[in-house]
Structure formats: structure tokens, C-alpha cells
Amino acid sequence: MNIGQASKATGVSTKMIRYYEQIKLISPAHRTEASYRTYSDNDIHTLRFVRGARDLGFSVEQMKTLLTLWRDRSRASADVKAIALEHIAELERKAAAIQAMTKTLKHLANHCQGNDRPDCPIIEEIANASEKEPSELNARFGVNAMK
């Protein structure tokens, strides 16, 4: 199967397949004499696994670890669970940060007259935020949770 067919079969773009090979997330594809990539059923299965992990928001490093565990039939499910729980906590921190930013923007939008006058609390808050220390910004906008 060529790279285009592998892409269609897995939902992973050809660009991402090449990238995953480059960063050694997946093994390099077998090459024909004409240097075209060819993918086996096992390669397709691996790409589908990677896509599933990516769709759940796992980082490349986490995907590397998950792939290693997936291939290890003697793995402990506790190892997989620990990665998932760590990822859940990260997603919850990001969700909380997004909610804090949303709350702040809603508050500012509600206090903006939205008329032809230049006064705008949204612009003022953004301008004032640029003068604050990063730790103040993080606390105000919940950015520290976005790491």
C-alpha cells in the first residue's frame, strides 16, 4: 500500500505520516526500488493506533510510550492507566484555563458598550495585561494551567 492509500485507510495525512517517520514515532516505511514508501497491514494498524491516541490529545512523547506499551504483551495495565490519568489531569487543567479565559472575556464583553465610541474595557484589559508580570497574567487568565 502506498502512502496515499495508507493515509486514506488510517485518516492520517501523508504529511503527518512522513513527520511521524522523521521523528521516529513509527518505523520508516519499506521502500521500493523506485524509493516509494510502501506500508504493510501492521504499519496500517500502528498508524490507526497513533491516530486514536492523537484524537485523544496525547502528546508525541505520550504516544511513543503508549506504542511501546501496546507492543509489549507483558505490560502492566497500571502503566497505561498512569499515562491516561496524567493526561486527564492535563486536559482538566487546560479546560479550567479555557473556562477562566471565557469567563474573563464574557465579563469584559458585557461591560463593553459596543458603540461608536473608542472606550472599550476589552482593549483596556489587554493593554493593561501587557504591563503586568507574567505571573499576574497567568493568575488573571488561567494561563498557568495551559502548560
N, C-alpha and C. Protein backbone atom coordinates (compact mmCIF):
# COMPACT_ATOMS: atom_id res chain seq x y z
N MET A 1 0.85 -1.17 0.00
CA MET A 1 0.00 0.00 0.00
C MET A 1 0.90 1.24 0.00
N ASN A 2 0.62 2.19 -0.88
CA ASN A 2 1.44 3.41 -0.93
C ASN A 2 0.99 4.40 0.15
N ILE A 3 1.70 5.52 0.25
CA ILE A 3 1.42 6.47 1.33
C ILE A 3 0.03 7.09 1.21
N GLY A 4 -0.42 7.34 0.00
CA GLY A 4 -1.77 7.90 -0.19
C GLY A 4 -2.84 6.92 0.26
N GLN A 5 -2.65 5.65 -0.08
CA GLN A 5 -3.60 4.63 0.35
C GLN A 5 -3.55 4.44 1.86
N ALA A 6 -2.36 4.50 2.42
CA ALA A 6 -2.21 4.38 3.88
C ALA A 6 -2.91 5.54 4.57
N SER A 7 -2.79 6.72 3.99
CA SER A 7 -3.45 7.89 4.55
C SER A 7 -4.97 7.71 4.55
N LYS A 8 -5.51 7.27 3.42
CA LYS A 8 -6.97 7.04 3.34
C LYS A 8 -7.43 5.96 4.31
N ALA A 9 -6.64 4.93 4.45
CA ALA A 9 -7.01 3.80 5.31
C ALA A 9 -6.96 4.14 6.80
N THR A 10 -6.14 5.13 7.15
CA THR A 10 -5.93 5.43 8.57
C THR A 10 -6.48 6.78 9.02
N GLY A 11 -6.72 7.68 8.08
CA GLY A 11 -7.15 9.02 8.45
C GLY A 11 -6.00 9.90 8.90
N VAL A 12 -4.78 9.46 8.66
CA VAL A 12 -3.59 10.23 8.99
C VAL A 12 -3.06 10.80 7.68
N SER A 13 -2.87 12.11 7.63
CA SER A 13 -2.43 12.73 6.38
C SER A 13 -1.04 12.23 5.98
N THR A 14 -0.76 12.31 4.70
CA THR A 14 0.56 11.88 4.21
C THR A 14 1.66 12.71 4.87
N LYS A 15 1.40 13.99 5.06
CA LYS A 15 2.38 14.86 5.70
C LYS A 15 2.68 14.38 7.12
N MET A 16 1.63 13.99 7.86
CA MET A 16 1.83 13.52 9.23
C MET A 16 2.52 12.16 9.25
N ILE A 17 2.21 11.31 8.29
CA ILE A 17 2.89 10.01 8.22
C ILE A 17 4.39 10.24 8.05
N ARG A 18 4.76 11.12 7.13
CA ARG A 18 6.17 11.43 6.92
C ARG A 18 6.80 12.01 8.19
N TYR A 19 6.05 12.90 8.85
CA TYR A 19 6.54 13.51 10.09
C TYR A 19 6.74 12.44 11.17
N TYR A 20 5.78 11.55 11.34
CA TYR A 20 5.90 10.50 12.34
C TYR A 20 7.10 9.60 12.07
N GLU A 21 7.40 9.36 10.80
CA GLU A 21 8.59 8.60 10.46
C GLU A 21 9.84 9.39 10.81
N GLN A 22 9.85 10.67 10.48
CA GLN A 22 11.00 11.53 10.71
C GLN A 22 11.35 11.61 12.19
N ILE A 23 10.34 11.71 13.05
CA ILE A 23 10.61 11.82 14.50
C ILE A 23 10.71 10.45 15.17
N LYS A 24 10.62 9.41 14.35
CA LYS A 24 10.76 8.02 14.79
C LYS A 24 9.64 7.58 15.73
N LEU A 25 8.46 8.17 15.55
CA LEU A 25 7.29 7.68 16.28
C LEU A 25 6.87 6.34 15.69
N ILE A 26 6.97 6.24 14.37
CA ILE A 26 6.70 4.98 13.68
C ILE A 26 7.96 4.58 12.91
N SER A 27 8.05 3.30 12.60
CA SER A 27 9.20 2.81 11.83
C SER A 27 9.13 3.34 10.41
N PRO A 28 10.29 3.58 9.82
CA PRO A 28 10.29 4.03 8.42
C PRO A 28 9.63 2.98 7.53
N ALA A 29 8.92 3.45 6.56
CA ALA A 29 8.24 2.54 5.63
C ALA A 29 9.27 1.81 4.78
N HIS A 30 8.87 0.63 4.35
CA HIS A 30 9.68 -0.10 3.38
C HIS A 30 9.70 0.72 2.09
N ARG A 31 10.81 0.69 1.38
CA ARG A 31 10.94 1.45 0.13
C ARG A 31 11.06 0.49 -1.05
N THR A 32 10.39 0.87 -2.14
CA THR A 32 10.52 0.11 -3.38
C THR A 32 11.85 0.48 -4.05
N GLU A 33 12.18 -0.19 -5.13
CA GLU A 33 13.40 0.16 -5.88
C GLU A 33 13.35 1.60 -6.38
N ALA A 34 12.14 2.08 -6.64
CA ALA A 34 11.97 3.47 -7.10
C ALA A 34 11.90 4.44 -5.92
N SER A 35 12.12 3.93 -4.70
CA SER A 35 12.15 4.71 -3.47
C SER A 35 10.78 5.19 -2.99
N TYR A 36 9.71 4.54 -3.47
CA TYR A 36 8.38 4.86 -2.97
C TYR A 36 8.15 4.13 -1.65
N ARG A 37 7.45 4.79 -0.75
CA ARG A 37 7.11 4.16 0.52
C ARG A 37 6.01 3.12 0.29
N THR A 38 6.12 2.00 0.99
CA THR A 38 5.04 1.01 0.98
C THR A 38 4.75 0.63 2.44
N TYR A 39 3.48 0.40 2.71
CA TYR A 39 3.05 0.13 4.08
C TYR A 39 2.36 -1.23 4.16
N SER A 40 2.71 -1.97 5.19
CA SER A 40 2.13 -3.29 5.43
C SER A 40 0.86 -3.14 6.27
N ASP A 41 0.16 -4.24 6.44
CA ASP A 41 -1.02 -4.23 7.31
C ASP A 41 -0.64 -3.85 8.73
N ASN A 42 0.53 -4.30 9.18
CA ASN A 42 0.99 -3.95 10.53
C ASN A 42 1.24 -2.44 10.64
N ASP A 43 1.83 -1.85 9.60
CA ASP A 43 2.05 -0.40 9.59
C ASP A 43 0.72 0.35 9.68
N ILE A 44 -0.28 -0.14 8.95
CA ILE A 44 -1.60 0.50 8.96
C ILE A 44 -2.21 0.40 10.36
N HIS A 45 -2.07 -0.75 10.97
CA HIS A 45 -2.58 -0.95 12.33
C HIS A 45 -1.91 0.04 13.30
N THR A 46 -0.60 0.20 13.16
CA THR A 46 0.15 1.14 14.00
C THR A 46 -0.32 2.57 13.76
N LEU A 47 -0.49 2.96 12.51
CA LEU A 47 -0.96 4.31 12.19
C LEU A 47 -2.35 4.56 12.76
N ARG A 48 -3.20 3.56 12.73
CA ARG A 48 -4.54 3.71 13.33
C ARG A 48 -4.44 3.90 14.84
N PHE A 49 -3.52 3.17 15.46
CA PHE A 49 -3.31 3.33 16.89
C PHE A 49 -2.85 4.76 17.19
N VAL A 50 -1.89 5.25 16.42
CA VAL A 50 -1.36 6.60 16.60
C VAL A 50 -2.48 7.63 16.42
N ARG A 51 -3.31 7.42 15.40
CA ARG A 51 -4.42 8.35 15.17
C ARG A 51 -5.38 8.35 16.35
N GLY A 52 -5.67 7.18 16.89
CA GLY A 52 -6.55 7.10 18.06
C GLY A 52 -5.97 7.84 19.25
N ALA A 53 -4.67 7.68 19.48
CA ALA A 53 -4.01 8.38 20.58
C ALA A 53 -4.00 9.88 20.34
N ARG A 54 -3.73 10.26 19.10
CA ARG A 54 -3.72 11.70 18.75
C ARG A 54 -5.11 12.30 18.92
N ASP A 55 -6.15 11.55 18.51
CA ASP A 55 -7.52 12.05 18.64
C ASP A 55 -7.91 12.26 20.09
N LEU A 56 -7.25 11.55 21.00
CA LEU A 56 -7.50 11.74 22.43
C LEU A 56 -6.60 12.82 23.03
N GLY A 57 -5.78 13.42 22.18
CA GLY A 57 -4.96 14.55 22.61
C GLY A 57 -3.64 14.20 23.26
N PHE A 58 -3.20 12.96 23.14
CA PHE A 58 -1.92 12.59 23.73
C PHE A 58 -0.79 13.28 22.97
N SER A 59 0.27 13.65 23.71
CA SER A 59 1.44 14.27 23.09
C SER A 59 2.24 13.21 22.35
N VAL A 60 3.19 13.65 21.55
CA VAL A 60 4.04 12.73 20.81
C VAL A 60 4.81 11.84 21.79
N GLU A 61 5.33 12.43 22.85
CA GLU A 61 6.06 11.63 23.84
C GLU A 61 5.16 10.59 24.49
N GLN A 62 3.94 10.99 24.82
CA GLN A 62 2.99 10.03 25.39
C GLN A 62 2.65 8.94 24.38
N MET A 63 2.50 9.33 23.11
CA MET A 63 2.21 8.33 22.08
C MET A 63 3.35 7.34 21.94
N LYS A 64 4.61 7.82 22.04
CA LYS A 64 5.75 6.91 21.97
C LYS A 64 5.67 5.88 23.10
N THR A 65 5.37 6.36 24.28
CA THR A 65 5.26 5.46 25.43
C THR A 65 4.10 4.49 25.25
N LEU A 66 2.97 5.00 24.81
CA LEU A 66 1.81 4.13 24.59
C LEU A 66 2.08 3.08 23.52
N LEU A 67 2.76 3.46 22.45
CA LEU A 67 3.12 2.49 21.40
C LEU A 67 4.01 1.39 21.97
N THR A 68 4.98 1.79 22.79
CA THR A 68 5.87 0.81 23.41
C THR A 68 5.07 -0.15 24.29
N LEU A 69 4.16 0.40 25.07
CA LEU A 69 3.33 -0.44 25.94
C LEU A 69 2.38 -1.33 25.12
N TRP A 70 1.84 -0.78 24.05
CA TRP A 70 0.92 -1.53 23.18
C TRP A 70 1.61 -2.75 22.59
N ARG A 71 2.86 -2.57 22.22
CA ARG A 71 3.62 -3.66 21.61
C ARG A 71 4.12 -4.69 22.63
N ASP A 72 4.15 -4.30 23.89
CA ASP A 72 4.67 -5.16 24.95
C ASP A 72 3.52 -5.97 25.56
N ARG A 73 3.44 -7.22 25.19
CA ARG A 73 2.36 -8.09 25.66
C ARG A 73 2.47 -8.39 27.16
N SER A 74 3.63 -8.12 27.76
CA SER A 74 3.78 -8.37 29.20
C SER A 74 3.64 -7.08 30.01
N ARG A 75 3.11 -6.06 29.37
CA ARG A 75 2.95 -4.76 30.03
C ARG A 75 1.99 -4.88 31.22
N ALA A 76 2.12 -3.94 32.12
CA ALA A 76 1.17 -3.82 33.22
C ALA A 76 0.16 -2.76 32.84
N SER A 77 -1.11 -3.08 32.97
CA SER A 77 -2.13 -2.10 32.61
C SER A 77 -2.03 -0.86 33.51
N ALA A 78 -1.43 -1.03 34.68
CA ALA A 78 -1.23 0.11 35.58
C ALA A 78 -0.37 1.19 34.93
N ASP A 79 0.59 0.77 34.10
CA ASP A 79 1.45 1.74 33.40
C ASP A 79 0.64 2.56 32.40
N VAL A 80 -0.25 1.89 31.70
CA VAL A 80 -1.10 2.57 30.73
C VAL A 80 -2.06 3.50 31.45
N LYS A 81 -2.64 3.01 32.52
CA LYS A 81 -3.58 3.82 33.30
C LYS A 81 -2.92 5.07 33.86
N ALA A 82 -1.68 4.94 34.32
CA ALA A 82 -0.97 6.10 34.86
C ALA A 82 -0.80 7.19 33.80
N ILE A 83 -0.49 6.79 32.58
CA ILE A 83 -0.35 7.77 31.48
C ILE A 83 -1.71 8.42 31.21
N ALA A 84 -2.75 7.61 31.18
CA ALA A 84 -4.09 8.15 30.92
C ALA A 84 -4.52 9.12 32.01
N LEU A 85 -4.26 8.77 33.27
CA LEU A 85 -4.66 9.65 34.38
C LEU A 85 -3.87 10.96 34.37
N GLU A 86 -2.60 10.88 34.02
CA GLU A 86 -1.79 12.09 33.89
C GLU A 86 -2.35 12.98 32.77
N HIS A 87 -2.74 12.36 31.68
CA HIS A 87 -3.30 13.11 30.56
C HIS A 87 -4.65 13.72 30.92
N ILE A 88 -5.45 12.97 31.65
CA ILE A 88 -6.75 13.51 32.11
C ILE A 88 -6.53 14.76 32.95
N ALA A 89 -5.59 14.70 33.87
CA ALA A 89 -5.30 15.87 34.73
C ALA A 89 -4.86 17.06 33.88
N GLU A 90 -4.04 16.80 32.87
CA GLU A 90 -3.59 17.86 31.97
C GLU A 90 -4.77 18.46 31.20
N LEU A 91 -5.64 17.60 30.69
CA LEU A 91 -6.83 18.09 29.97
C LEU A 91 -7.74 18.90 30.88
N GLU A 92 -7.88 18.46 32.12
CA GLU A 92 -8.72 19.20 33.07
C GLU A 92 -8.12 20.57 33.39
N ARG A 93 -6.78 20.64 33.51
CA ARG A 93 -6.13 21.95 33.73
C ARG A 93 -6.38 22.87 32.54
N LYS A 94 -6.26 22.34 31.33
CA LYS A 94 -6.49 23.14 30.13
C LYS A 94 -7.95 23.59 30.06
N ALA A 95 -8.88 22.70 30.39
CA ALA A 95 -10.30 23.06 30.37
C ALA A 95 -10.59 24.16 31.37
N ALA A 96 -9.98 24.07 32.55
CA ALA A 96 -10.18 25.10 33.57
C ALA A 96 -9.62 26.45 33.10
N ALA A 97 -8.48 26.41 32.43
CA ALA A 97 -7.88 27.64 31.91
C ALA A 97 -8.77 28.25 30.84
N ILE A 98 -9.31 27.43 29.98
CA ILE A 98 -10.21 27.93 28.93
C ILE A 98 -11.47 28.52 29.56
N GLN A 99 -12.00 27.86 30.57
CA GLN A 99 -13.19 28.40 31.26
C GLN A 99 -12.87 29.74 31.92
N ALA A 100 -11.69 29.88 32.52
CA ALA A 100 -11.31 31.15 33.14
C ALA A 100 -11.19 32.25 32.10
N MET A 101 -10.58 31.93 30.96
CA MET A 101 -10.45 32.93 29.90
C MET A 101 -11.82 33.32 29.35
N THR A 102 -12.68 32.31 29.18
CA THR A 102 -14.04 32.57 28.69
C THR A 102 -14.79 33.47 29.65
N LYS A 103 -14.69 33.18 30.95
CA LYS A 103 -15.38 33.99 31.96
C LYS A 103 -14.88 35.43 31.93
N THR A 104 -13.57 35.60 31.83
CA THR A 104 -13.00 36.95 31.77
C THR A 104 -13.49 37.69 30.53
N LEU A 105 -13.44 37.03 29.38
CA LEU A 105 -13.88 37.68 28.14
C LEU A 105 -15.36 38.00 28.15
N LYS A 106 -16.17 37.12 28.71
CA LYS A 106 -17.61 37.39 28.82
C LYS A 106 -17.85 38.62 29.69
N HIS A 107 -17.13 38.67 30.81
CA HIS A 107 -17.26 39.83 31.71
C HIS A 107 -16.89 41.12 30.98
N LEU A 108 -15.76 41.09 30.28
CA LEU A 108 -15.31 42.28 29.56
C LEU A 108 -16.29 42.64 28.44
N ALA A 109 -16.78 41.66 27.71
CA ALA A 109 -17.73 41.91 26.62
C ALA A 109 -19.03 42.49 27.17
N ASN A 110 -19.47 42.01 28.32
CA ASN A 110 -20.70 42.55 28.92
C ASN A 110 -20.55 43.99 29.36
N HIS A 111 -19.31 44.40 29.64
CA HIS A 111 -19.07 45.78 30.08
C HIS A 111 -18.62 46.70 28.94
N CYS A 112 -18.56 46.17 27.75
CA CYS A 112 -18.21 46.97 26.58
C CYS A 112 -19.51 47.50 25.98
N GLN A 113 -19.56 48.78 25.72
CA GLN A 113 -20.78 49.40 25.18
C GLN A 113 -21.07 48.93 23.75
N GLY A 114 -20.04 48.59 23.02
CA GLY A 114 -20.24 48.12 21.65
C GLY A 114 -20.82 49.19 20.75
N ASN A 115 -20.43 50.41 20.97
CA ASN A 115 -20.95 51.51 20.16
C ASN A 115 -19.83 52.15 19.34
N ASP A 116 -20.05 53.35 18.86
CA ASP A 116 -19.07 54.03 18.01
C ASP A 116 -17.98 54.75 18.81
N ARG A 117 -18.07 54.71 20.13
CA ARG A 117 -17.07 55.39 20.97
C ARG A 117 -15.84 54.52 21.12
N PRO A 118 -14.68 55.10 21.37
CA PRO A 118 -13.44 54.32 21.46
C PRO A 118 -13.24 53.57 22.78
N ASP A 119 -13.98 53.98 23.84
CA ASP A 119 -13.80 53.32 25.14
C ASP A 119 -14.19 51.85 25.04
N CYS A 120 -13.27 50.98 25.45
CA CYS A 120 -13.54 49.55 25.36
C CYS A 120 -12.77 48.82 26.46
N PRO A 121 -13.47 48.22 27.42
CA PRO A 121 -12.79 47.51 28.50
C PRO A 121 -11.99 46.29 28.02
N ILE A 122 -12.37 45.74 26.88
CA ILE A 122 -11.63 44.59 26.35
C ILE A 122 -10.22 45.03 25.97
N ILE A 123 -10.14 46.11 25.18
CA ILE A 123 -8.85 46.65 24.76
C ILE A 123 -8.05 47.11 25.97
N GLU A 124 -8.71 47.77 26.92
CA GLU A 124 -8.02 48.26 28.11
C GLU A 124 -7.42 47.12 28.92
N GLU A 125 -8.16 46.04 29.09
CA GLU A 125 -7.66 44.89 29.86
C GLU A 125 -6.47 44.25 29.15
N ILE A 126 -6.57 44.11 27.84
CA ILE A 126 -5.44 43.52 27.10
C ILE A 126 -4.22 44.42 27.20
N ALA A 127 -4.42 45.72 27.05
CA ALA A 127 -3.31 46.67 27.15
C ALA A 127 -2.71 46.66 28.55
N ASN A 128 -3.53 46.64 29.56
CA ASN A 128 -3.05 46.62 30.94
C ASN A 128 -2.36 45.30 31.26
N ALA A 129 -2.86 44.23 30.69
CA ALA A 129 -2.26 42.92 30.94
C ALA A 129 -0.84 42.86 30.41
N SER A 130 -0.58 43.58 29.32
CA SER A 130 0.77 43.54 28.74
C SER A 130 1.79 44.22 29.64
N GLU A 131 1.32 45.04 30.59
CA GLU A 131 2.21 45.74 31.51
C GLU A 131 2.42 44.95 32.80
N LYS A 132 1.65 43.91 33.02
CA LYS A 132 1.74 43.13 34.25
C LYS A 132 2.82 42.07 34.14
N GLU A 133 3.24 41.59 35.29
CA GLU A 133 4.20 40.49 35.35
C GLU A 133 3.55 39.23 34.81
N PRO A 134 4.33 38.34 34.21
CA PRO A 134 3.76 37.09 33.69
C PRO A 134 2.96 36.31 34.73
N SER A 135 3.41 36.28 35.97
CA SER A 135 2.68 35.53 37.00
C SER A 135 1.30 36.14 37.25
N GLU A 136 1.20 37.47 37.17
CA GLU A 136 -0.11 38.13 37.32
C GLU A 136 -1.03 37.78 36.15
N LEU A 137 -0.46 37.76 34.95
CA LEU A 137 -1.24 37.39 33.77
C LEU A 137 -1.73 35.96 33.89
N ASN A 138 -0.83 35.10 34.30
CA ASN A 138 -1.20 33.69 34.44
C ASN A 138 -2.36 33.55 35.41
N ALA A 139 -2.29 34.23 36.53
CA ALA A 139 -3.36 34.13 37.52
C ALA A 139 -4.66 34.74 36.98
N ARG A 140 -4.56 35.85 36.29
CA ARG A 140 -5.73 36.54 35.77
C ARG A 140 -6.46 35.74 34.69
N PHE A 141 -5.66 35.16 33.78
CA PHE A 141 -6.24 34.48 32.64
C PHE A 141 -6.18 32.96 32.73
N GLY A 142 -5.63 32.44 33.81
CA GLY A 142 -5.55 31.00 33.97
C GLY A 142 -4.57 30.35 33.01
N VAL A 143 -3.61 31.12 32.53
CA VAL A 143 -2.66 30.62 31.54
C VAL A 143 -1.73 29.57 32.13
N ASN A 144 -1.44 29.66 33.42
CA ASN A 144 -0.52 28.69 34.02
C ASN A 144 -1.05 27.27 33.87
N ALA A 145 -2.33 27.12 33.74
CA ALA A 145 -2.92 25.79 33.58
C ALA A 145 -2.80 25.29 32.14
N MET A 146 -2.32 26.13 31.23
CA MET A 146 -2.25 25.73 29.82
C MET A 146 -0.96 25.00 29.50
N LYS A 147 -0.05 24.84 30.43
CA LYS A 147 1.24 24.17 30.17
C LYS A 147 1.02 22.76 29.72
